[in-house]
Structures are given as C-alpha cells and as structure tokens.
Amino acid sequence: PQEFRVGLTPNAAQEAVAHGHGVM
C-alpha cells in the first residue's frame, strides 16, 4: 500500500540491456 517506488529506473534498464541482458 502506497508504495510508489520502482526497482529499476530507465537508466538501470538501459545499462542492463547494454550488457546483453533482457529486461521486463
């Protein structure tokens, strides 16, 4: 309840993709 944060930022997702990983 009332948790508005998220575990991955778009920047973190971009870094993971650049390392060759899939991000959902």
PDBML (XML) file of the C-alpha atoms, coordinates in Angstrom:
<?xml version="1.0" encoding="UTF-8" ?>
<PDBx:datablock datablockName="MODEL"
   xmlns:PDBx="http://pdbml.pdb.org/schema/pdbx-v50.xsd"
   xmlns:xsi="http://www.w3.org/2001/XMLSchema-instance"
   xsi:schemaLocation="http://pdbml.pdb.org/schema/pdbx-v50.xsd pdbx-v50.xsd">
   <PDBx:atom_siteCategory>
      <PDBx:atom_site id="1">
         <PDBx:B_iso_or_equiv>0.00</PDBx:B_iso_or_equiv>
         <PDBx:Cartn_x>0.000</PDBx:Cartn_x>
         <PDBx:Cartn_y>0.000</PDBx:Cartn_y>
         <PDBx:Cartn_z>0.000</PDBx:Cartn_z>
         <PDBx:auth_asym_id>A</PDBx:auth_asym_id>
         <PDBx:auth_atom_id>CA</PDBx:auth_atom_id>
         <PDBx:auth_comp_id>PRO</PDBx:auth_comp_id>
         <PDBx:auth_seq_id>1</PDBx:auth_seq_id>
         <PDBx:group_PDB>ATOM</PDBx:group_PDB>
         <PDBx:label_alt_id xsi:nil="true" />
         <PDBx:label_asym_id>A</PDBx:label_asym_id>
         <PDBx:label_atom_id>CA</PDBx:label_atom_id>
         <PDBx:label_comp_id>PRO</PDBx:label_comp_id>
         <PDBx:label_entity_id>1</PDBx:label_entity_id>
         <PDBx:label_seq_id>1</PDBx:label_seq_id>
         <PDBx:occupancy>1.00</PDBx:occupancy>
         <PDBx:pdbx_PDB_model_num>1</PDBx:pdbx_PDB_model_num>
         <PDBx:type_symbol>C</PDBx:type_symbol>
      </PDBx:atom_site>
      <PDBx:atom_site id="2">
         <PDBx:B_iso_or_equiv>0.00</PDBx:B_iso_or_equiv>
         <PDBx:Cartn_x>1.119</PDBx:Cartn_x>
         <PDBx:Cartn_y>3.489</PDBx:Cartn_y>
         <PDBx:Cartn_z>-1.025</PDBx:Cartn_z>
         <PDBx:auth_asym_id>A</PDBx:auth_asym_id>
         <PDBx:auth_atom_id>CA</PDBx:auth_atom_id>
         <PDBx:auth_comp_id>GLN</PDBx:auth_comp_id>
         <PDBx:auth_seq_id>2</PDBx:auth_seq_id>
         <PDBx:group_PDB>ATOM</PDBx:group_PDB>
         <PDBx:label_alt_id xsi:nil="true" />
         <PDBx:label_asym_id>A</PDBx:label_asym_id>
         <PDBx:label_atom_id>CA</PDBx:label_atom_id>
         <PDBx:label_comp_id>GLN</PDBx:label_comp_id>
         <PDBx:label_entity_id>1</PDBx:label_entity_id>
         <PDBx:label_seq_id>2</PDBx:label_seq_id>
         <PDBx:occupancy>1.00</PDBx:occupancy>
         <PDBx:pdbx_PDB_model_num>1</PDBx:pdbx_PDB_model_num>
         <PDBx:type_symbol>C</PDBx:type_symbol>
      </PDBx:atom_site>
      <PDBx:atom_site id="3">
         <PDBx:B_iso_or_equiv>0.00</PDBx:B_iso_or_equiv>
         <PDBx:Cartn_x>4.453</PDBx:Cartn_x>
         <PDBx:Cartn_y>2.225</PDBx:Cartn_y>
         <PDBx:Cartn_z>-2.352</PDBx:Cartn_z>
         <PDBx:auth_asym_id>A</PDBx:auth_asym_id>
         <PDBx:auth_atom_id>CA</PDBx:auth_atom_id>
         <PDBx:auth_comp_id>GLU</PDBx:auth_comp_id>
         <PDBx:auth_seq_id>3</PDBx:auth_seq_id>
         <PDBx:group_PDB>ATOM</PDBx:group_PDB>
         <PDBx:label_alt_id xsi:nil="true" />
         <PDBx:label_asym_id>A</PDBx:label_asym_id>
         <PDBx:label_atom_id>CA</PDBx:label_atom_id>
         <PDBx:label_comp_id>GLU</PDBx:label_comp_id>
         <PDBx:label_entity_id>1</PDBx:label_entity_id>
         <PDBx:label_seq_id>3</PDBx:label_seq_id>
         <PDBx:occupancy>1.00</PDBx:occupancy>
         <PDBx:pdbx_PDB_model_num>1</PDBx:pdbx_PDB_model_num>
         <PDBx:type_symbol>C</PDBx:type_symbol>
      </PDBx:atom_site>
      <PDBx:atom_site id="4">
         <PDBx:B_iso_or_equiv>0.00</PDBx:B_iso_or_equiv>
         <PDBx:Cartn_x>5.252</PDBx:Cartn_x>
         <PDBx:Cartn_y>4.375</PDBx:Cartn_y>
         <PDBx:Cartn_z>-5.375</PDBx:Cartn_z>
         <PDBx:auth_asym_id>A</PDBx:auth_asym_id>
         <PDBx:auth_atom_id>CA</PDBx:auth_atom_id>
         <PDBx:auth_comp_id>PHE</PDBx:auth_comp_id>
         <PDBx:auth_seq_id>4</PDBx:auth_seq_id>
         <PDBx:group_PDB>ATOM</PDBx:group_PDB>
         <PDBx:label_alt_id xsi:nil="true" />
         <PDBx:label_asym_id>A</PDBx:label_asym_id>
         <PDBx:label_atom_id>CA</PDBx:label_atom_id>
         <PDBx:label_comp_id>PHE</PDBx:label_comp_id>
         <PDBx:label_entity_id>1</PDBx:label_entity_id>
         <PDBx:label_seq_id>4</PDBx:label_seq_id>
         <PDBx:occupancy>1.00</PDBx:occupancy>
         <PDBx:pdbx_PDB_model_num>1</PDBx:pdbx_PDB_model_num>
         <PDBx:type_symbol>C</PDBx:type_symbol>
      </PDBx:atom_site>
      <PDBx:atom_site id="5">
         <PDBx:B_iso_or_equiv>0.00</PDBx:B_iso_or_equiv>
         <PDBx:Cartn_x>8.918</PDBx:Cartn_x>
         <PDBx:Cartn_y>3.494</PDBx:Cartn_y>
         <PDBx:Cartn_z>-5.897</PDBx:Cartn_z>
         <PDBx:auth_asym_id>A</PDBx:auth_asym_id>
         <PDBx:auth_atom_id>CA</PDBx:auth_atom_id>
         <PDBx:auth_comp_id>ARG</PDBx:auth_comp_id>
         <PDBx:auth_seq_id>5</PDBx:auth_seq_id>
         <PDBx:group_PDB>ATOM</PDBx:group_PDB>
         <PDBx:label_alt_id xsi:nil="true" />
         <PDBx:label_asym_id>A</PDBx:label_asym_id>
         <PDBx:label_atom_id>CA</PDBx:label_atom_id>
         <PDBx:label_comp_id>ARG</PDBx:label_comp_id>
         <PDBx:label_entity_id>1</PDBx:label_entity_id>
         <PDBx:label_seq_id>5</PDBx:label_seq_id>
         <PDBx:occupancy>1.00</PDBx:occupancy>
         <PDBx:pdbx_PDB_model_num>1</PDBx:pdbx_PDB_model_num>
         <PDBx:type_symbol>C</PDBx:type_symbol>
      </PDBx:atom_site>
      <PDBx:atom_site id="6">
         <PDBx:B_iso_or_equiv>0.00</PDBx:B_iso_or_equiv>
         <PDBx:Cartn_x>10.125</PDBx:Cartn_x>
         <PDBx:Cartn_y>1.088</PDBx:Cartn_y>
         <PDBx:Cartn_z>-8.581</PDBx:Cartn_z>
         <PDBx:auth_asym_id>A</PDBx:auth_asym_id>
         <PDBx:auth_atom_id>CA</PDBx:auth_atom_id>
         <PDBx:auth_comp_id>VAL</PDBx:auth_comp_id>
         <PDBx:auth_seq_id>6</PDBx:auth_seq_id>
         <PDBx:group_PDB>ATOM</PDBx:group_PDB>
         <PDBx:label_alt_id xsi:nil="true" />
         <PDBx:label_asym_id>A</PDBx:label_asym_id>
         <PDBx:label_atom_id>CA</PDBx:label_atom_id>
         <PDBx:label_comp_id>VAL</PDBx:label_comp_id>
         <PDBx:label_entity_id>1</PDBx:label_entity_id>
         <PDBx:label_seq_id>6</PDBx:label_seq_id>
         <PDBx:occupancy>1.00</PDBx:occupancy>
         <PDBx:pdbx_PDB_model_num>1</PDBx:pdbx_PDB_model_num>
         <PDBx:type_symbol>C</PDBx:type_symbol>
      </PDBx:atom_site>
      <PDBx:atom_site id="7">
         <PDBx:B_iso_or_equiv>0.00</PDBx:B_iso_or_equiv>
         <PDBx:Cartn_x>13.020</PDBx:Cartn_x>
         <PDBx:Cartn_y>-1.367</PDBx:Cartn_y>
         <PDBx:Cartn_z>-8.509</PDBx:Cartn_z>
         <PDBx:auth_asym_id>A</PDBx:auth_asym_id>
         <PDBx:auth_atom_id>CA</PDBx:auth_atom_id>
         <PDBx:auth_comp_id>GLY</PDBx:auth_comp_id>
         <PDBx:auth_seq_id>7</PDBx:auth_seq_id>
         <PDBx:group_PDB>ATOM</PDBx:group_PDB>
         <PDBx:label_alt_id xsi:nil="true" />
         <PDBx:label_asym_id>A</PDBx:label_asym_id>
         <PDBx:label_atom_id>CA</PDBx:label_atom_id>
         <PDBx:label_comp_id>GLY</PDBx:label_comp_id>
         <PDBx:label_entity_id>1</PDBx:label_entity_id>
         <PDBx:label_seq_id>7</PDBx:label_seq_id>
         <PDBx:occupancy>1.00</PDBx:occupancy>
         <PDBx:pdbx_PDB_model_num>1</PDBx:pdbx_PDB_model_num>
         <PDBx:type_symbol>C</PDBx:type_symbol>
      </PDBx:atom_site>
      <PDBx:atom_site id="8">
         <PDBx:B_iso_or_equiv>0.00</PDBx:B_iso_or_equiv>
         <PDBx:Cartn_x>14.595</PDBx:Cartn_x>
         <PDBx:Cartn_y>-0.364</PDBx:Cartn_y>
         <PDBx:Cartn_z>-11.828</PDBx:Cartn_z>
         <PDBx:auth_asym_id>A</PDBx:auth_asym_id>
         <PDBx:auth_atom_id>CA</PDBx:auth_atom_id>
         <PDBx:auth_comp_id>LEU</PDBx:auth_comp_id>
         <PDBx:auth_seq_id>8</PDBx:auth_seq_id>
         <PDBx:group_PDB>ATOM</PDBx:group_PDB>
         <PDBx:label_alt_id xsi:nil="true" />
         <PDBx:label_asym_id>A</PDBx:label_asym_id>
         <PDBx:label_atom_id>CA</PDBx:label_atom_id>
         <PDBx:label_comp_id>LEU</PDBx:label_comp_id>
         <PDBx:label_entity_id>1</PDBx:label_entity_id>
         <PDBx:label_seq_id>8</PDBx:label_seq_id>
         <PDBx:occupancy>1.00</PDBx:occupancy>
         <PDBx:pdbx_PDB_model_num>1</PDBx:pdbx_PDB_model_num>
         <PDBx:type_symbol>C</PDBx:type_symbol>
      </PDBx:atom_site>
      <PDBx:atom_site id="9">
         <PDBx:B_iso_or_equiv>0.00</PDBx:B_iso_or_equiv>
         <PDBx:Cartn_x>14.999</PDBx:Cartn_x>
         <PDBx:Cartn_y>3.093</PDBx:Cartn_y>
         <PDBx:Cartn_z>-13.314</PDBx:Cartn_z>
         <PDBx:auth_asym_id>A</PDBx:auth_asym_id>
         <PDBx:auth_atom_id>CA</PDBx:auth_atom_id>
         <PDBx:auth_comp_id>THR</PDBx:auth_comp_id>
         <PDBx:auth_seq_id>9</PDBx:auth_seq_id>
         <PDBx:group_PDB>ATOM</PDBx:group_PDB>
         <PDBx:label_alt_id xsi:nil="true" />
         <PDBx:label_asym_id>A</PDBx:label_asym_id>
         <PDBx:label_atom_id>CA</PDBx:label_atom_id>
         <PDBx:label_comp_id>THR</PDBx:label_comp_id>
         <PDBx:label_entity_id>1</PDBx:label_entity_id>
         <PDBx:label_seq_id>9</PDBx:label_seq_id>
         <PDBx:occupancy>1.00</PDBx:occupancy>
         <PDBx:pdbx_PDB_model_num>1</PDBx:pdbx_PDB_model_num>
         <PDBx:type_symbol>C</PDBx:type_symbol>
      </PDBx:atom_site>
      <PDBx:atom_site id="10">
         <PDBx:B_iso_or_equiv>0.00</PDBx:B_iso_or_equiv>
         <PDBx:Cartn_x>15.065</PDBx:Cartn_x>
         <PDBx:Cartn_y>3.504</PDBx:Cartn_y>
         <PDBx:Cartn_z>-17.092</PDBx:Cartn_z>
         <PDBx:auth_asym_id>A</PDBx:auth_asym_id>
         <PDBx:auth_atom_id>CA</PDBx:auth_atom_id>
         <PDBx:auth_comp_id>PRO</PDBx:auth_comp_id>
         <PDBx:auth_seq_id>10</PDBx:auth_seq_id>
         <PDBx:group_PDB>ATOM</PDBx:group_PDB>
         <PDBx:label_alt_id xsi:nil="true" />
         <PDBx:label_asym_id>A</PDBx:label_asym_id>
         <PDBx:label_atom_id>CA</PDBx:label_atom_id>
         <PDBx:label_comp_id>PRO</PDBx:label_comp_id>
         <PDBx:label_entity_id>1</PDBx:label_entity_id>
         <PDBx:label_seq_id>10</PDBx:label_seq_id>
         <PDBx:occupancy>1.00</PDBx:occupancy>
         <PDBx:pdbx_PDB_model_num>1</PDBx:pdbx_PDB_model_num>
         <PDBx:type_symbol>C</PDBx:type_symbol>
      </PDBx:atom_site>
      <PDBx:atom_site id="11">
         <PDBx:B_iso_or_equiv>0.00</PDBx:B_iso_or_equiv>
         <PDBx:Cartn_x>18.791</PDBx:Cartn_x>
         <PDBx:Cartn_y>4.234</PDBx:Cartn_y>
         <PDBx:Cartn_z>-16.788</PDBx:Cartn_z>
         <PDBx:auth_asym_id>A</PDBx:auth_asym_id>
         <PDBx:auth_atom_id>CA</PDBx:auth_atom_id>
         <PDBx:auth_comp_id>ASN</PDBx:auth_comp_id>
         <PDBx:auth_seq_id>11</PDBx:auth_seq_id>
         <PDBx:group_PDB>ATOM</PDBx:group_PDB>
         <PDBx:label_alt_id xsi:nil="true" />
         <PDBx:label_asym_id>A</PDBx:label_asym_id>
         <PDBx:label_atom_id>CA</PDBx:label_atom_id>
         <PDBx:label_comp_id>ASN</PDBx:label_comp_id>
         <PDBx:label_entity_id>1</PDBx:label_entity_id>
         <PDBx:label_seq_id>11</PDBx:label_seq_id>
         <PDBx:occupancy>1.00</PDBx:occupancy>
         <PDBx:pdbx_PDB_model_num>1</PDBx:pdbx_PDB_model_num>
         <PDBx:type_symbol>C</PDBx:type_symbol>
      </PDBx:atom_site>
      <PDBx:atom_site id="12">
         <PDBx:B_iso_or_equiv>0.00</PDBx:B_iso_or_equiv>
         <PDBx:Cartn_x>19.365</PDBx:Cartn_x>
         <PDBx:Cartn_y>0.937</PDBx:Cartn_y>
         <PDBx:Cartn_z>-14.968</PDBx:Cartn_z>
         <PDBx:auth_asym_id>A</PDBx:auth_asym_id>
         <PDBx:auth_atom_id>CA</PDBx:auth_atom_id>
         <PDBx:auth_comp_id>ALA</PDBx:auth_comp_id>
         <PDBx:auth_seq_id>12</PDBx:auth_seq_id>
         <PDBx:group_PDB>ATOM</PDBx:group_PDB>
         <PDBx:label_alt_id xsi:nil="true" />
         <PDBx:label_asym_id>A</PDBx:label_asym_id>
         <PDBx:label_atom_id>CA</PDBx:label_atom_id>
         <PDBx:label_comp_id>ALA</PDBx:label_comp_id>
         <PDBx:label_entity_id>1</PDBx:label_entity_id>
         <PDBx:label_seq_id>12</PDBx:label_seq_id>
         <PDBx:occupancy>1.00</PDBx:occupancy>
         <PDBx:pdbx_PDB_model_num>1</PDBx:pdbx_PDB_model_num>
         <PDBx:type_symbol>C</PDBx:type_symbol>
      </PDBx:atom_site>
      <PDBx:atom_site id="13">
         <PDBx:B_iso_or_equiv>0.00</PDBx:B_iso_or_equiv>
         <PDBx:Cartn_x>17.292</PDBx:Cartn_x>
         <PDBx:Cartn_y>-0.892</PDBx:Cartn_y>
         <PDBx:Cartn_z>-17.578</PDBx:Cartn_z>
         <PDBx:auth_asym_id>A</PDBx:auth_asym_id>
         <PDBx:auth_atom_id>CA</PDBx:auth_atom_id>
         <PDBx:auth_comp_id>ALA</PDBx:auth_comp_id>
         <PDBx:auth_seq_id>13</PDBx:auth_seq_id>
         <PDBx:group_PDB>ATOM</PDBx:group_PDB>
         <PDBx:label_alt_id xsi:nil="true" />
         <PDBx:label_asym_id>A</PDBx:label_asym_id>
         <PDBx:label_atom_id>CA</PDBx:label_atom_id>
         <PDBx:label_comp_id>ALA</PDBx:label_comp_id>
         <PDBx:label_entity_id>1</PDBx:label_entity_id>
         <PDBx:label_seq_id>13</PDBx:label_seq_id>
         <PDBx:occupancy>1.00</PDBx:occupancy>
         <PDBx:pdbx_PDB_model_num>1</PDBx:pdbx_PDB_model_num>
         <PDBx:type_symbol>C</PDBx:type_symbol>
      </PDBx:atom_site>
      <PDBx:atom_site id="14">
         <PDBx:B_iso_or_equiv>0.00</PDBx:B_iso_or_equiv>
         <PDBx:Cartn_x>19.367</PDBx:Cartn_x>
         <PDBx:Cartn_y>0.692</PDBx:Cartn_y>
         <PDBx:Cartn_z>-20.362</PDBx:Cartn_z>
         <PDBx:auth_asym_id>A</PDBx:auth_asym_id>
         <PDBx:auth_atom_id>CA</PDBx:auth_atom_id>
         <PDBx:auth_comp_id>GLN</PDBx:auth_comp_id>
         <PDBx:auth_seq_id>14</PDBx:auth_seq_id>
         <PDBx:group_PDB>ATOM</PDBx:group_PDB>
         <PDBx:label_alt_id xsi:nil="true" />
         <PDBx:label_asym_id>A</PDBx:label_asym_id>
         <PDBx:label_atom_id>CA</PDBx:label_atom_id>
         <PDBx:label_comp_id>GLN</PDBx:label_comp_id>
         <PDBx:label_entity_id>1</PDBx:label_entity_id>
         <PDBx:label_seq_id>14</PDBx:label_seq_id>
         <PDBx:occupancy>1.00</PDBx:occupancy>
         <PDBx:pdbx_PDB_model_num>1</PDBx:pdbx_PDB_model_num>
         <PDBx:type_symbol>C</PDBx:type_symbol>
      </PDBx:atom_site>
      <PDBx:atom_site id="15">
         <PDBx:B_iso_or_equiv>0.00</PDBx:B_iso_or_equiv>
         <PDBx:Cartn_x>22.610</PDBx:Cartn_x>
         <PDBx:Cartn_y>-0.360</PDBx:Cartn_y>
         <PDBx:Cartn_z>-18.664</PDBx:Cartn_z>
         <PDBx:auth_asym_id>A</PDBx:auth_asym_id>
         <PDBx:auth_atom_id>CA</PDBx:auth_atom_id>
         <PDBx:auth_comp_id>GLU</PDBx:auth_comp_id>
         <PDBx:auth_seq_id>15</PDBx:auth_seq_id>
         <PDBx:group_PDB>ATOM</PDBx:group_PDB>
         <PDBx:label_alt_id xsi:nil="true" />
         <PDBx:label_asym_id>A</PDBx:label_asym_id>
         <PDBx:label_atom_id>CA</PDBx:label_atom_id>
         <PDBx:label_comp_id>GLU</PDBx:label_comp_id>
         <PDBx:label_entity_id>1</PDBx:label_entity_id>
         <PDBx:label_seq_id>15</PDBx:label_seq_id>
         <PDBx:occupancy>1.00</PDBx:occupancy>
         <PDBx:pdbx_PDB_model_num>1</PDBx:pdbx_PDB_model_num>
         <PDBx:type_symbol>C</PDBx:type_symbol>
      </PDBx:atom_site>
      <PDBx:atom_site id="16">
         <PDBx:B_iso_or_equiv>0.00</PDBx:B_iso_or_equiv>
         <PDBx:Cartn_x>21.378</PDBx:Cartn_x>
         <PDBx:Cartn_y>-3.944</PDBx:Cartn_y>
         <PDBx:Cartn_z>-18.285</PDBx:Cartn_z>
         <PDBx:auth_asym_id>A</PDBx:auth_asym_id>
         <PDBx:auth_atom_id>CA</PDBx:auth_atom_id>
         <PDBx:auth_comp_id>ALA</PDBx:auth_comp_id>
         <PDBx:auth_seq_id>16</PDBx:auth_seq_id>
         <PDBx:group_PDB>ATOM</PDBx:group_PDB>
         <PDBx:label_alt_id xsi:nil="true" />
         <PDBx:label_asym_id>A</PDBx:label_asym_id>
         <PDBx:label_atom_id>CA</PDBx:label_atom_id>
         <PDBx:label_comp_id>ALA</PDBx:label_comp_id>
         <PDBx:label_entity_id>1</PDBx:label_entity_id>
         <PDBx:label_seq_id>16</PDBx:label_seq_id>
         <PDBx:occupancy>1.00</PDBx:occupancy>
         <PDBx:pdbx_PDB_model_num>1</PDBx:pdbx_PDB_model_num>
         <PDBx:type_symbol>C</PDBx:type_symbol>
      </PDBx:atom_site>
      <PDBx:atom_site id="17">
         <PDBx:B_iso_or_equiv>0.00</PDBx:B_iso_or_equiv>
         <PDBx:Cartn_x>20.329</PDBx:Cartn_x>
         <PDBx:Cartn_y>-4.096</PDBx:Cartn_y>
         <PDBx:Cartn_z>-21.934</PDBx:Cartn_z>
         <PDBx:auth_asym_id>A</PDBx:auth_asym_id>
         <PDBx:auth_atom_id>CA</PDBx:auth_atom_id>
         <PDBx:auth_comp_id>VAL</PDBx:auth_comp_id>
         <PDBx:auth_seq_id>17</PDBx:auth_seq_id>
         <PDBx:group_PDB>ATOM</PDBx:group_PDB>
         <PDBx:label_alt_id xsi:nil="true" />
         <PDBx:label_asym_id>A</PDBx:label_asym_id>
         <PDBx:label_atom_id>CA</PDBx:label_atom_id>
         <PDBx:label_comp_id>VAL</PDBx:label_comp_id>
         <PDBx:label_entity_id>1</PDBx:label_entity_id>
         <PDBx:label_seq_id>17</PDBx:label_seq_id>
         <PDBx:occupancy>1.00</PDBx:occupancy>
         <PDBx:pdbx_PDB_model_num>1</PDBx:pdbx_PDB_model_num>
         <PDBx:type_symbol>C</PDBx:type_symbol>
      </PDBx:atom_site>
      <PDBx:atom_site id="18">
         <PDBx:B_iso_or_equiv>0.00</PDBx:B_iso_or_equiv>
         <PDBx:Cartn_x>23.724</PDBx:Cartn_x>
         <PDBx:Cartn_y>-2.718</PDBx:Cartn_y>
         <PDBx:Cartn_z>-22.962</PDBx:Cartn_z>
         <PDBx:auth_asym_id>A</PDBx:auth_asym_id>
         <PDBx:auth_atom_id>CA</PDBx:auth_atom_id>
         <PDBx:auth_comp_id>ALA</PDBx:auth_comp_id>
         <PDBx:auth_seq_id>18</PDBx:auth_seq_id>
         <PDBx:group_PDB>ATOM</PDBx:group_PDB>
         <PDBx:label_alt_id xsi:nil="true" />
         <PDBx:label_asym_id>A</PDBx:label_asym_id>
         <PDBx:label_atom_id>CA</PDBx:label_atom_id>
         <PDBx:label_comp_id>ALA</PDBx:label_comp_id>
         <PDBx:label_entity_id>1</PDBx:label_entity_id>
         <PDBx:label_seq_id>18</PDBx:label_seq_id>
         <PDBx:occupancy>1.00</PDBx:occupancy>
         <PDBx:pdbx_PDB_model_num>1</PDBx:pdbx_PDB_model_num>
         <PDBx:type_symbol>C</PDBx:type_symbol>
      </PDBx:atom_site>
      <PDBx:atom_site id="19">
         <PDBx:B_iso_or_equiv>0.00</PDBx:B_iso_or_equiv>
         <PDBx:Cartn_x>25.306</PDBx:Cartn_x>
         <PDBx:Cartn_y>-5.592</PDBx:Cartn_y>
         <PDBx:Cartn_z>-21.022</PDBx:Cartn_z>
         <PDBx:auth_asym_id>A</PDBx:auth_asym_id>
         <PDBx:auth_atom_id>CA</PDBx:auth_atom_id>
         <PDBx:auth_comp_id>HIS</PDBx:auth_comp_id>
         <PDBx:auth_seq_id>19</PDBx:auth_seq_id>
         <PDBx:group_PDB>ATOM</PDBx:group_PDB>
         <PDBx:label_alt_id xsi:nil="true" />
         <PDBx:label_asym_id>A</PDBx:label_asym_id>
         <PDBx:label_atom_id>CA</PDBx:label_atom_id>
         <PDBx:label_comp_id>HIS</PDBx:label_comp_id>
         <PDBx:label_entity_id>1</PDBx:label_entity_id>
         <PDBx:label_seq_id>19</PDBx:label_seq_id>
         <PDBx:occupancy>1.00</PDBx:occupancy>
         <PDBx:pdbx_PDB_model_num>1</PDBx:pdbx_PDB_model_num>
         <PDBx:type_symbol>C</PDBx:type_symbol>
      </PDBx:atom_site>
      <PDBx:atom_site id="20">
         <PDBx:B_iso_or_equiv>0.00</PDBx:B_iso_or_equiv>
         <PDBx:Cartn_x>23.332</PDBx:Cartn_x>
         <PDBx:Cartn_y>-8.049</PDBx:Cartn_y>
         <PDBx:Cartn_z>-23.142</PDBx:Cartn_z>
         <PDBx:auth_asym_id>A</PDBx:auth_asym_id>
         <PDBx:auth_atom_id>CA</PDBx:auth_atom_id>
         <PDBx:auth_comp_id>GLY</PDBx:auth_comp_id>
         <PDBx:auth_seq_id>20</PDBx:auth_seq_id>
         <PDBx:group_PDB>ATOM</PDBx:group_PDB>
         <PDBx:label_alt_id xsi:nil="true" />
         <PDBx:label_asym_id>A</PDBx:label_asym_id>
         <PDBx:label_atom_id>CA</PDBx:label_atom_id>
         <PDBx:label_comp_id>GLY</PDBx:label_comp_id>
         <PDBx:label_entity_id>1</PDBx:label_entity_id>
         <PDBx:label_seq_id>20</PDBx:label_seq_id>
         <PDBx:occupancy>1.00</PDBx:occupancy>
         <PDBx:pdbx_PDB_model_num>1</PDBx:pdbx_PDB_model_num>
         <PDBx:type_symbol>C</PDBx:type_symbol>
      </PDBx:atom_site>
      <PDBx:atom_site id="21">
         <PDBx:B_iso_or_equiv>0.00</PDBx:B_iso_or_equiv>
         <PDBx:Cartn_x>20.523</PDBx:Cartn_x>
         <PDBx:Cartn_y>-8.876</PDBx:Cartn_y>
         <PDBx:Cartn_z>-20.732</PDBx:Cartn_z>
         <PDBx:auth_asym_id>A</PDBx:auth_asym_id>
         <PDBx:auth_atom_id>CA</PDBx:auth_atom_id>
         <PDBx:auth_comp_id>HIS</PDBx:auth_comp_id>
         <PDBx:auth_seq_id>21</PDBx:auth_seq_id>
         <PDBx:group_PDB>ATOM</PDBx:group_PDB>
         <PDBx:label_alt_id xsi:nil="true" />
         <PDBx:label_asym_id>A</PDBx:label_asym_id>
         <PDBx:label_atom_id>CA</PDBx:label_atom_id>
         <PDBx:label_comp_id>HIS</PDBx:label_comp_id>
         <PDBx:label_entity_id>1</PDBx:label_entity_id>
         <PDBx:label_seq_id>21</PDBx:label_seq_id>
         <PDBx:occupancy>1.00</PDBx:occupancy>
         <PDBx:pdbx_PDB_model_num>1</PDBx:pdbx_PDB_model_num>
         <PDBx:type_symbol>C</PDBx:type_symbol>
      </PDBx:atom_site>
      <PDBx:atom_site id="22">
         <PDBx:B_iso_or_equiv>0.00</PDBx:B_iso_or_equiv>
         <PDBx:Cartn_x>16.772</PDBx:Cartn_x>
         <PDBx:Cartn_y>-8.905</PDBx:Cartn_y>
         <PDBx:Cartn_z>-21.284</PDBx:Cartn_z>
         <PDBx:auth_asym_id>A</PDBx:auth_asym_id>
         <PDBx:auth_atom_id>CA</PDBx:auth_atom_id>
         <PDBx:auth_comp_id>GLY</PDBx:auth_comp_id>
         <PDBx:auth_seq_id>22</PDBx:auth_seq_id>
         <PDBx:group_PDB>ATOM</PDBx:group_PDB>
         <PDBx:label_alt_id xsi:nil="true" />
         <PDBx:label_asym_id>A</PDBx:label_asym_id>
         <PDBx:label_atom_id>CA</PDBx:label_atom_id>
         <PDBx:label_comp_id>GLY</PDBx:label_comp_id>
         <PDBx:label_entity_id>1</PDBx:label_entity_id>
         <PDBx:label_seq_id>22</PDBx:label_seq_id>
         <PDBx:occupancy>1.00</PDBx:occupancy>
         <PDBx:pdbx_PDB_model_num>1</PDBx:pdbx_PDB_model_num>
         <PDBx:type_symbol>C</PDBx:type_symbol>
      </PDBx:atom_site>
      <PDBx:atom_site id="23">
         <PDBx:B_iso_or_equiv>0.00</PDBx:B_iso_or_equiv>
         <PDBx:Cartn_x>14.686</PDBx:Cartn_x>
         <PDBx:Cartn_y>-6.568</PDBx:Cartn_y>
         <PDBx:Cartn_z>-19.132</PDBx:Cartn_z>
         <PDBx:auth_asym_id>A</PDBx:auth_asym_id>
         <PDBx:auth_atom_id>CA</PDBx:auth_atom_id>
         <PDBx:auth_comp_id>VAL</PDBx:auth_comp_id>
         <PDBx:auth_seq_id>23</PDBx:auth_seq_id>
         <PDBx:group_PDB>ATOM</PDBx:group_PDB>
         <PDBx:label_alt_id xsi:nil="true" />
         <PDBx:label_asym_id>A</PDBx:label_asym_id>
         <PDBx:label_atom_id>CA</PDBx:label_atom_id>
         <PDBx:label_comp_id>VAL</PDBx:label_comp_id>
         <PDBx:label_entity_id>1</PDBx:label_entity_id>
         <PDBx:label_seq_id>23</PDBx:label_seq_id>
         <PDBx:occupancy>1.00</PDBx:occupancy>
         <PDBx:pdbx_PDB_model_num>1</PDBx:pdbx_PDB_model_num>
         <PDBx:type_symbol>C</PDBx:type_symbol>
      </PDBx:atom_site>
      <PDBx:atom_site id="24">
         <PDBx:B_iso_or_equiv>0.00</PDBx:B_iso_or_equiv>
         <PDBx:Cartn_x>10.954</PDBx:Cartn_x>
         <PDBx:Cartn_y>-6.892</PDBx:Cartn_y>
         <PDBx:Cartn_z>-18.483</PDBx:Cartn_z>
         <PDBx:auth_asym_id>A</PDBx:auth_asym_id>
         <PDBx:auth_atom_id>CA</PDBx:auth_atom_id>
         <PDBx:auth_comp_id>MET</PDBx:auth_comp_id>
         <PDBx:auth_seq_id>24</PDBx:auth_seq_id>
         <PDBx:group_PDB>ATOM</PDBx:group_PDB>
         <PDBx:label_alt_id xsi:nil="true" />
         <PDBx:label_asym_id>A</PDBx:label_asym_id>
         <PDBx:label_atom_id>CA</PDBx:label_atom_id>
         <PDBx:label_comp_id>MET</PDBx:label_comp_id>
         <PDBx:label_entity_id>1</PDBx:label_entity_id>
         <PDBx:label_seq_id>24</PDBx:label_seq_id>
         <PDBx:occupancy>1.00</PDBx:occupancy>
         <PDBx:pdbx_PDB_model_num>1</PDBx:pdbx_PDB_model_num>
         <PDBx:type_symbol>C</PDBx:type_symbol>
      </PDBx:atom_site>
   </PDBx:atom_siteCategory>
</PDBx:datablock>
